[in-house]
Amino acid sequence: MEQLKKSDNHLIFKKKSGRYAVKDCSTKKWINGDAKTDILLTEGLIKHAEPKPAAAPEATPEATEATADAAPEA
């Protein structure tokens, strides 16, 4: 791991995999979860991903077959 940034409160490392690790300077423990995400966002190392909009449900082939069977043929 290579050290990227050091502040008064935490150290930020970059792993070989490209992911980040954050260590608290006062407690010498690793920071995980939302606290880690907030730190990386503040430092500008990651961007906040917007959730993708839900797609409209598409008609499945089974549903179209069921409606075709129910309709009388002329």
PDB file of N, CA and C in Angstrom:
ATOM      1  N   MET A   1       0.859  -1.185   0.000  1.00  0.00           N
ATOM      2  CA  MET A   1       0.000   0.000   0.000  1.00  0.00           C
ATOM      3  C   MET A   1       0.893   1.232   0.000  1.00  0.00           C
ATOM      4  N   GLU A   2       0.458   2.213  -0.754  1.00  0.00           N
ATOM      5  CA  GLU A   2       1.193   3.462  -0.762  1.00  0.00           C
ATOM      6  C   GLU A   2       0.371   4.539  -0.071  1.00  0.00           C
ATOM      7  N   GLN A   3       1.050   5.361   0.702  1.00  0.00           N
ATOM      8  CA  GLN A   3       0.361   6.424   1.426  1.00  0.00           C
ATOM      9  C   GLN A   3       0.085   7.578   0.474  1.00  0.00           C
ATOM     10  N   LEU A   4      -1.196   7.983   0.390  1.00  0.00           N
ATOM     11  CA  LEU A   4      -1.579   9.082  -0.491  1.00  0.00           C
ATOM     12  C   LEU A   4      -1.620  10.414   0.239  1.00  0.00           C
ATOM     13  N   LYS A   5      -2.347  10.447   1.365  1.00  0.00           N
ATOM     14  CA  LYS A   5      -2.535  11.706   2.091  1.00  0.00           C
ATOM     15  C   LYS A   5      -2.416  11.459   3.587  1.00  0.00           C
ATOM     16  N   LYS A   6      -1.953  12.487   4.269  1.00  0.00           N
ATOM     17  CA  LYS A   6      -1.888  12.439   5.731  1.00  0.00           C
ATOM     18  C   LYS A   6      -2.443  13.750   6.254  1.00  0.00           C
ATOM     19  N   SER A   7      -3.406  13.633   7.168  1.00  0.00           N
ATOM     20  CA  SER A   7      -3.947  14.825   7.814  1.00  0.00           C
ATOM     21  C   SER A   7      -3.796  14.649   9.318  1.00  0.00           C
ATOM     22  N   ASP A   8      -4.328  15.584  10.067  1.00  0.00           N
ATOM     23  CA  ASP A   8      -4.238  15.492  11.529  1.00  0.00           C
ATOM     24  C   ASP A   8      -5.036  14.318  12.067  1.00  0.00           C
ATOM     25  N   ASN A   9      -6.116  13.940  11.373  1.00  0.00           N
ATOM     26  CA  ASN A   9      -7.033  12.935  11.893  1.00  0.00           C
ATOM     27  C   ASN A   9      -6.860  11.549  11.293  1.00  0.00           C
ATOM     28  N   HIS A  10      -6.383  11.466  10.047  1.00  0.00           N
ATOM     29  CA  HIS A  10      -6.353  10.167   9.396  1.00  0.00           C
ATOM     30  C   HIS A  10      -5.268  10.064   8.323  1.00  0.00           C
ATOM     31  N   LEU A  11      -4.912   8.820   7.987  1.00  0.00           N
ATOM     32  CA  LEU A  11      -3.999   8.505   6.892  1.00  0.00           C
ATOM     33  C   LEU A  11      -4.797   7.795   5.808  1.00  0.00           C
ATOM     34  N   ILE A  12      -4.528   8.124   4.555  1.00  0.00           N
ATOM     35  CA  ILE A  12      -5.216   7.468   3.452  1.00  0.00           C
ATOM     36  C   ILE A  12      -4.183   6.725   2.622  1.00  0.00           C
ATOM     37  N   PHE A  13      -4.451   5.436   2.405  1.00  0.00           N
ATOM     38  CA  PHE A  13      -3.574   4.591   1.617  1.00  0.00           C
ATOM     39  C   PHE A  13      -4.316   4.115   0.378  1.00  0.00           C
ATOM     40  N   LYS A  14      -3.560   3.807  -0.687  1.00  0.00           N
ATOM     41  CA  LYS A  14      -4.137   3.194  -1.876  1.00  0.00           C
ATOM     42  C   LYS A  14      -3.537   1.803  -2.009  1.00  0.00           C
ATOM     43  N   LYS A  15      -4.416   0.809  -2.115  1.00  0.00           N
ATOM     44  CA  LYS A  15      -3.984  -0.574  -2.230  1.00  0.00           C
ATOM     45  C   LYS A  15      -3.609  -0.896  -3.676  1.00  0.00           C
ATOM     46  N   LYS A  16      -2.942  -2.020  -3.869  1.00  0.00           N
ATOM     47  CA  LYS A  16      -2.579  -2.456  -5.213  1.00  0.00           C
ATOM     48  C   LYS A  16      -3.815  -2.727  -6.061  1.00  0.00           C
ATOM     49  N   SER A  17      -4.915  -3.075  -5.412  1.00  0.00           N
ATOM     50  CA  SER A  17      -6.161  -3.358  -6.123  1.00  0.00           C
ATOM     51  C   SER A  17      -6.859  -2.081  -6.594  1.00  0.00           C
ATOM     52  N   GLY A  18      -6.372  -0.908  -6.161  1.00  0.00           N
ATOM     53  CA  GLY A  18      -6.978   0.352  -6.547  1.00  0.00           C
ATOM     54  C   GLY A  18      -7.958   0.876  -5.517  1.00  0.00           C
ATOM     55  N   ARG A  19      -8.240   0.093  -4.500  1.00  0.00           N
ATOM     56  CA  ARG A  19      -9.166   0.519  -3.452  1.00  0.00           C
ATOM     57  C   ARG A  19      -8.405   1.334  -2.414  1.00  0.00           C
ATOM     58  N   TYR A  20      -9.157   2.007  -1.544  1.00  0.00           N
ATOM     59  CA  TYR A  20      -8.551   2.872  -0.537  1.00  0.00           C
ATOM     60  C   TYR A  20      -8.713   2.291   0.858  1.00  0.00           C
ATOM     61  N   ALA A  21      -7.742   2.607   1.704  1.00  0.00           N
ATOM     62  CA  ALA A  21      -7.795   2.241   3.118  1.00  0.00           C
ATOM     63  C   ALA A  21      -7.582   3.521   3.921  1.00  0.00           C
ATOM     64  N   VAL A  22      -8.329   3.672   5.004  1.00  0.00           N
ATOM     65  CA  VAL A  22      -8.226   4.871   5.838  1.00  0.00           C
ATOM     66  C   VAL A  22      -7.953   4.436   7.267  1.00  0.00           C
ATOM     67  N   LYS A  23      -6.933   5.037   7.876  1.00  0.00           N
ATOM     68  CA  LYS A  23      -6.546   4.694   9.248  1.00  0.00           C
ATOM     69  C   LYS A  23      -6.636   5.937  10.115  1.00  0.00           C
ATOM     70  N   ASP A  24      -7.242   5.787  11.284  1.00  0.00           N
ATOM     71  CA  ASP A  24      -7.380   6.880  12.239  1.00  0.00           C
ATOM     72  C   ASP A  24      -6.036   7.076  12.942  1.00  0.00           C
ATOM     73  N   CYS A  25      -5.538   8.306  12.955  1.00  0.00           N
ATOM     74  CA  CYS A  25      -4.230   8.579  13.564  1.00  0.00           C
ATOM     75  C   CYS A  25      -4.253   8.494  15.089  1.00  0.00           C
ATOM     76  N   SER A  26      -5.358   8.853  15.696  1.00  0.00           N
ATOM     77  CA  SER A  26      -5.403   8.882  17.157  1.00  0.00           C
ATOM     78  C   SER A  26      -5.559   7.487  17.754  1.00  0.00           C
ATOM     79  N   THR A  27      -6.375   6.636  17.155  1.00  0.00           N
ATOM     80  CA  THR A  27      -6.610   5.301  17.711  1.00  0.00           C
ATOM     81  C   THR A  27      -5.815   4.211  17.004  1.00  0.00           C
ATOM     82  N   LYS A  28      -5.216   4.535  15.868  1.00  0.00           N
ATOM     83  CA  LYS A  28      -4.438   3.578  15.063  1.00  0.00           C
ATOM     84  C   LYS A  28      -5.289   2.415  14.565  1.00  0.00           C
ATOM     85  N   LYS A  29      -6.613   2.655  14.420  1.00  0.00           N
ATOM     86  CA  LYS A  29      -7.515   1.618  13.914  1.00  0.00           C
ATOM     87  C   LYS A  29      -7.989   2.004  12.523  1.00  0.00           C
ATOM     88  N   TRP A  30      -8.350   0.987  11.738  1.00  0.00           N
ATOM     89  CA  TRP A  30      -8.846   1.195  10.391  1.00  0.00           C
ATOM     90  C   TRP A  30     -10.280   1.698  10.441  1.00  0.00           C
ATOM     91  N   ILE A  31     -10.608   2.596   9.537  1.00  0.00           N
ATOM     92  CA  ILE A  31     -11.948   3.175   9.449  1.00  0.00           C
ATOM     93  C   ILE A  31     -12.675   2.499   8.301  1.00  0.00           C
ATOM     94  N   ASN A  32     -13.921   2.089   8.564  1.00  0.00           N
ATOM     95  CA  ASN A  32     -14.721   1.400   7.550  1.00  0.00           C
ATOM     96  C   ASN A  32     -16.084   2.047   7.408  1.00  0.00           C
ATOM     97  N   GLY A  33     -16.815   1.632   6.380  1.00  0.00           N
ATOM     98  CA  GLY A  33     -18.217   1.997   6.218  1.00  0.00           C
ATOM     99  C   GLY A  33     -18.437   3.434   5.816  1.00  0.00           C
ATOM    100  N   ASP A  34     -19.496   4.022   6.381  1.00  0.00           N
ATOM    101  CA  ASP A  34     -19.912   5.377   6.017  1.00  0.00           C
ATOM    102  C   ASP A  34     -18.862   6.420   6.389  1.00  0.00           C
ATOM    103  N   ALA A  35     -18.168   6.212   7.506  1.00  0.00           N
ATOM    104  CA  ALA A  35     -17.140   7.167   7.929  1.00  0.00           C
ATOM    105  C   ALA A  35     -16.006   7.213   6.898  1.00  0.00           C
ATOM    106  N   LYS A  36     -15.623   6.053   6.399  1.00  0.00           N
ATOM    107  CA  LYS A  36     -14.570   5.972   5.374  1.00  0.00           C
ATOM    108  C   LYS A  36     -15.028   6.652   4.089  1.00  0.00           C
ATOM    109  N   THR A  37     -16.265   6.393   3.690  1.00  0.00           N
ATOM    110  CA  THR A  37     -16.812   7.003   2.477  1.00  0.00           C
ATOM    111  C   THR A  37     -16.844   8.518   2.604  1.00  0.00           C
ATOM    112  N   ASP A  38     -17.267   9.029   3.754  1.00  0.00           N
ATOM    113  CA  ASP A  38     -17.323  10.475   3.973  1.00  0.00           C
ATOM    114  C   ASP A  38     -15.936  11.110   3.862  1.00  0.00           C
ATOM    115  N   ILE A  39     -14.922  10.453   4.426  1.00  0.00           N
ATOM    116  CA  ILE A  39     -13.548  10.968   4.373  1.00  0.00           C
ATOM    117  C   ILE A  39     -13.053  11.000   2.932  1.00  0.00           C
ATOM    118  N   LEU A  40     -13.277   9.914   2.189  1.00  0.00           N
ATOM    119  CA  LEU A  40     -12.806   9.845   0.799  1.00  0.00           C
ATOM    120  C   LEU A  40     -13.538  10.846  -0.091  1.00  0.00           C
ATOM    121  N   LEU A  41     -14.827  11.084   0.176  1.00  0.00           N
ATOM    122  CA  LEU A  41     -15.575  12.106  -0.563  1.00  0.00           C
ATOM    123  C   LEU A  41     -15.021  13.501  -0.274  1.00  0.00           C
ATOM    124  N   THR A  42     -14.742  13.768   0.991  1.00  0.00           N
ATOM    125  CA  THR A  42     -14.218  15.073   1.401  1.00  0.00           C
ATOM    126  C   THR A  42     -12.857  15.339   0.754  1.00  0.00           C
ATOM    127  N   GLU A  43     -12.026  14.310   0.676  1.00  0.00           N
ATOM    128  CA  GLU A  43     -10.689  14.455   0.093  1.00  0.00           C
ATOM    129  C   GLU A  43     -10.727  14.477  -1.432  1.00  0.00           C
ATOM    130  N   GLY A  44     -11.872  14.145  -2.025  1.00  0.00           N
ATOM    131  CA  GLY A  44     -11.997  14.179  -3.468  1.00  0.00           C
ATOM    132  C   GLY A  44     -11.425  12.965  -4.178  1.00  0.00           C
ATOM    133  N   LEU A  45     -11.251  11.871  -3.464  1.00  0.00           N
ATOM    134  CA  LEU A  45     -10.693  10.661  -4.067  1.00  0.00           C
ATOM    135  C   LEU A  45     -11.747   9.796  -4.739  1.00  0.00           C
ATOM    136  N   ILE A  46     -12.990   9.904  -4.292  1.00  0.00           N
ATOM    137  CA  ILE A  46     -14.081   9.174  -4.922  1.00  0.00           C
ATOM    138  C   ILE A  46     -15.214  10.140  -5.197  1.00  0.00           C
ATOM    139  N   LYS A  47     -16.131   9.714  -6.068  1.00  0.00           N
ATOM    140  CA  LYS A  47     -17.311  10.509  -6.374  1.00  0.00           C
ATOM    141  C   LYS A  47     -18.528   9.779  -5.848  1.00  0.00           C
ATOM    142  N   HIS A  48     -19.545  10.561  -5.486  1.00  0.00           N
ATOM    143  CA  HIS A  48     -20.791   9.985  -4.997  1.00  0.00           C
ATOM    144  C   HIS A  48     -21.572   9.442  -6.185  1.00  0.00           C
ATOM    145  N   ALA A  49     -21.862   8.148  -6.180  1.00  0.00           N
ATOM    146  CA  ALA A  49     -22.594   7.520  -7.280  1.00  0.00           C
ATOM    147  C   ALA A  49     -24.088   7.736  -7.087  1.00  0.00           C
ATOM    148  N   GLU A  50     -24.725   8.257  -8.112  1.00  0.00           N
ATOM    149  CA  GLU A  50     -26.175   8.451  -8.079  1.00  0.00           C
ATOM    150  C   GLU A  50     -26.849   7.114  -8.404  1.00  0.00           C
ATOM    151  N   PRO A  51     -27.900   6.765  -7.702  1.00  0.00           N
ATOM    152  CA  PRO A  51     -28.596   5.516  -8.031  1.00  0.00           C
ATOM    153  C   PRO A  51     -29.248   5.616  -9.402  1.00  0.00           C
ATOM    154  N   LYS A  52     -29.200   4.515 -10.143  1.00  0.00           N
ATOM    155  CA  LYS A  52     -29.792   4.493 -11.472  1.00  0.00           C
ATOM    156  C   LYS A  52     -31.307   4.476 -11.341  1.00  0.00           C
ATOM    157  N   PRO A  53     -32.006   5.176 -12.238  1.00  0.00           N
ATOM    158  CA  PRO A  53     -33.470   5.156 -12.177  1.00  0.00           C
ATOM    159  C   PRO A  53     -33.987   3.762 -12.502  1.00  0.00           C
ATOM    160  N   ALA A  54     -35.066   3.393 -11.853  1.00  0.00           N
ATOM    161  CA  ALA A  54     -35.641   2.069 -12.072  1.00  0.00           C
ATOM    162  C   ALA A  54     -36.258   2.018 -13.463  1.00  0.00           C
ATOM    163  N   ALA A  55     -35.953   0.969 -14.180  1.00  0.00           N
ATOM    164  CA  ALA A  55     -36.470   0.807 -15.532  1.00  0.00           C
ATOM    165  C   ALA A  55     -37.909   0.321 -15.460  1.00  0.00           C
ATOM    166  N   ALA A  56     -38.701   0.680 -16.447  1.00  0.00           N
ATOM    167  CA  ALA A  56     -40.090   0.230 -16.507  1.00  0.00           C
ATOM    168  C   ALA A  56     -40.096  -1.280 -16.732  1.00  0.00           C
ATOM    169  N   PRO A  57     -40.984  -1.998 -16.072  1.00  0.00           N
ATOM    170  CA  PRO A  57     -41.001  -3.457 -16.245  1.00  0.00           C
ATOM    171  C   PRO A  57     -41.347  -3.807 -17.689  1.00  0.00           C
ATOM    172  N   GLU A  58     -40.554  -4.680 -18.259  1.00  0.00           N
ATOM    173  CA  GLU A  58     -40.765  -5.078 -19.648  1.00  0.00           C
ATOM    174  C   GLU A  58     -41.683  -6.292 -19.688  1.00  0.00           C
ATOM    175  N   ALA A  59     -42.377  -6.452 -20.785  1.00  0.00           N
ATOM    176  CA  ALA A  59     -43.269  -7.597 -20.953  1.00  0.00           C
ATOM    177  C   ALA A  59     -42.416  -8.852 -21.151  1.00  0.00           C
ATOM    178  N   THR A  60     -42.706  -9.863 -20.384  1.00  0.00           N
ATOM    179  CA  THR A  60     -41.971 -11.118 -20.512  1.00  0.00           C
ATOM    180  C   THR A  60     -42.651 -11.988 -21.557  1.00  0.00           C
ATOM    181  N   PRO A  61     -41.931 -12.907 -22.181  1.00  0.00           N
ATOM    182  CA  PRO A  61     -42.545 -13.775 -23.179  1.00  0.00           C
ATOM    183  C   PRO A  61     -43.667 -14.633 -22.592  1.00  0.00           C
ATOM    184  N   GLU A  62     -43.549 -15.007 -21.322  1.00  0.00           N
ATOM    185  CA  GLU A  62     -44.582 -15.818 -20.684  1.00  0.00           C
ATOM    186  C   GLU A  62     -45.889 -15.027 -20.572  1.00  0.00           C
ATOM    187  N   ALA A  63     -45.805 -13.749 -20.274  1.00  0.00           N
ATOM    188  CA  ALA A  63     -46.997 -12.915 -20.128  1.00  0.00           C
ATOM    189  C   ALA A  63     -47.685 -12.707 -21.473  1.00  0.00           C
ATOM    190  N   THR A  64     -46.919 -12.555 -22.526  1.00  0.00           N
ATOM    191  CA  THR A  64     -47.527 -12.356 -23.842  1.00  0.00           C
ATOM    192  C   THR A  64     -48.179 -13.636 -24.341  1.00  0.00           C
ATOM    193  N   GLU A  65     -47.605 -14.788 -24.001  1.00  0.00           N
ATOM    194  CA  GLU A  65     -48.205 -16.065 -24.383  1.00  0.00           C
ATOM    195  C   GLU A  65     -49.529 -16.275 -23.657  1.00  0.00           C
ATOM    196  N   ALA A  66     -49.587 -15.894 -22.408  1.00  0.00           N
ATOM    197  CA  ALA A  66     -50.799 -16.071 -21.619  1.00  0.00           C
ATOM    198  C   ALA A  66     -51.933 -15.213 -22.170  1.00  0.00           C
ATOM    199  N   THR A  67     -51.639 -13.998 -22.593  1.00  0.00           N
ATOM    200  CA  THR A  67     -52.679 -13.133 -23.143  1.00  0.00           C
ATOM    201  C   THR A  67     -53.091 -13.608 -24.536  1.00  0.00           C
ATOM    202  N   ALA A  68     -52.181 -14.189 -25.286  1.00  0.00           N
ATOM    203  CA  ALA A  68     -52.518 -14.682 -26.621  1.00  0.00           C
ATOM    204  C   ALA A  68     -53.415 -15.918 -26.510  1.00  0.00           C
ATOM    205  N   ASP A  69     -53.169 -16.761 -25.509  1.00  0.00           N
ATOM    206  CA  ASP A  69     -53.995 -17.951 -25.312  1.00  0.00           C
ATOM    207  C   ASP A  69     -55.399 -17.575 -24.842  1.00  0.00           C
ATOM    208  N   ALA A  70     -55.533 -16.524 -24.081  1.00  0.00           N
ATOM    209  CA  ALA A  70     -56.812 -16.126 -23.543  1.00  0.00           C
ATOM    210  C   ALA A  70     -57.682 -15.441 -24.598  1.00  0.00           C
ATOM    211  N   ALA A  71     -57.073 -14.835 -25.597  1.00  0.00           N
ATOM    212  CA  ALA A  71     -57.842 -14.122 -26.619  1.00  0.00           C
ATOM    213  C   ALA A  71     -58.433 -15.130 -27.622  1.00  0.00           C
ATOM    214  N   PRO A  72     -59.731 -15.000 -27.942  1.00  0.00           N
ATOM    215  CA  PRO A  72     -60.329 -15.920 -28.917  1.00  0.00           C
ATOM    216  C   PRO A  72     -59.818 -15.614 -30.330  1.00  0.00           C
ATOM    217  N   GLU A  73     -59.665 -16.673 -31.098  1.00  0.00           N
ATOM    218  CA  GLU A  73     -59.191 -16.500 -32.464  1.00  0.00           C
ATOM    219  C   GLU A  73     -60.388 -16.320 -33.390  1.00  0.00           C
ATOM    220  N   ALA A  74     -60.239 -15.522 -34.411  1.00  0.00           N
ATOM    221  CA  ALA A  74     -61.365 -15.266 -35.322  1.00  0.00           C
ATOM    222  C   ALA A  74     -61.281 -16.108 -36.565  1.00  0.00           C
TER     223      ALA A  74
END
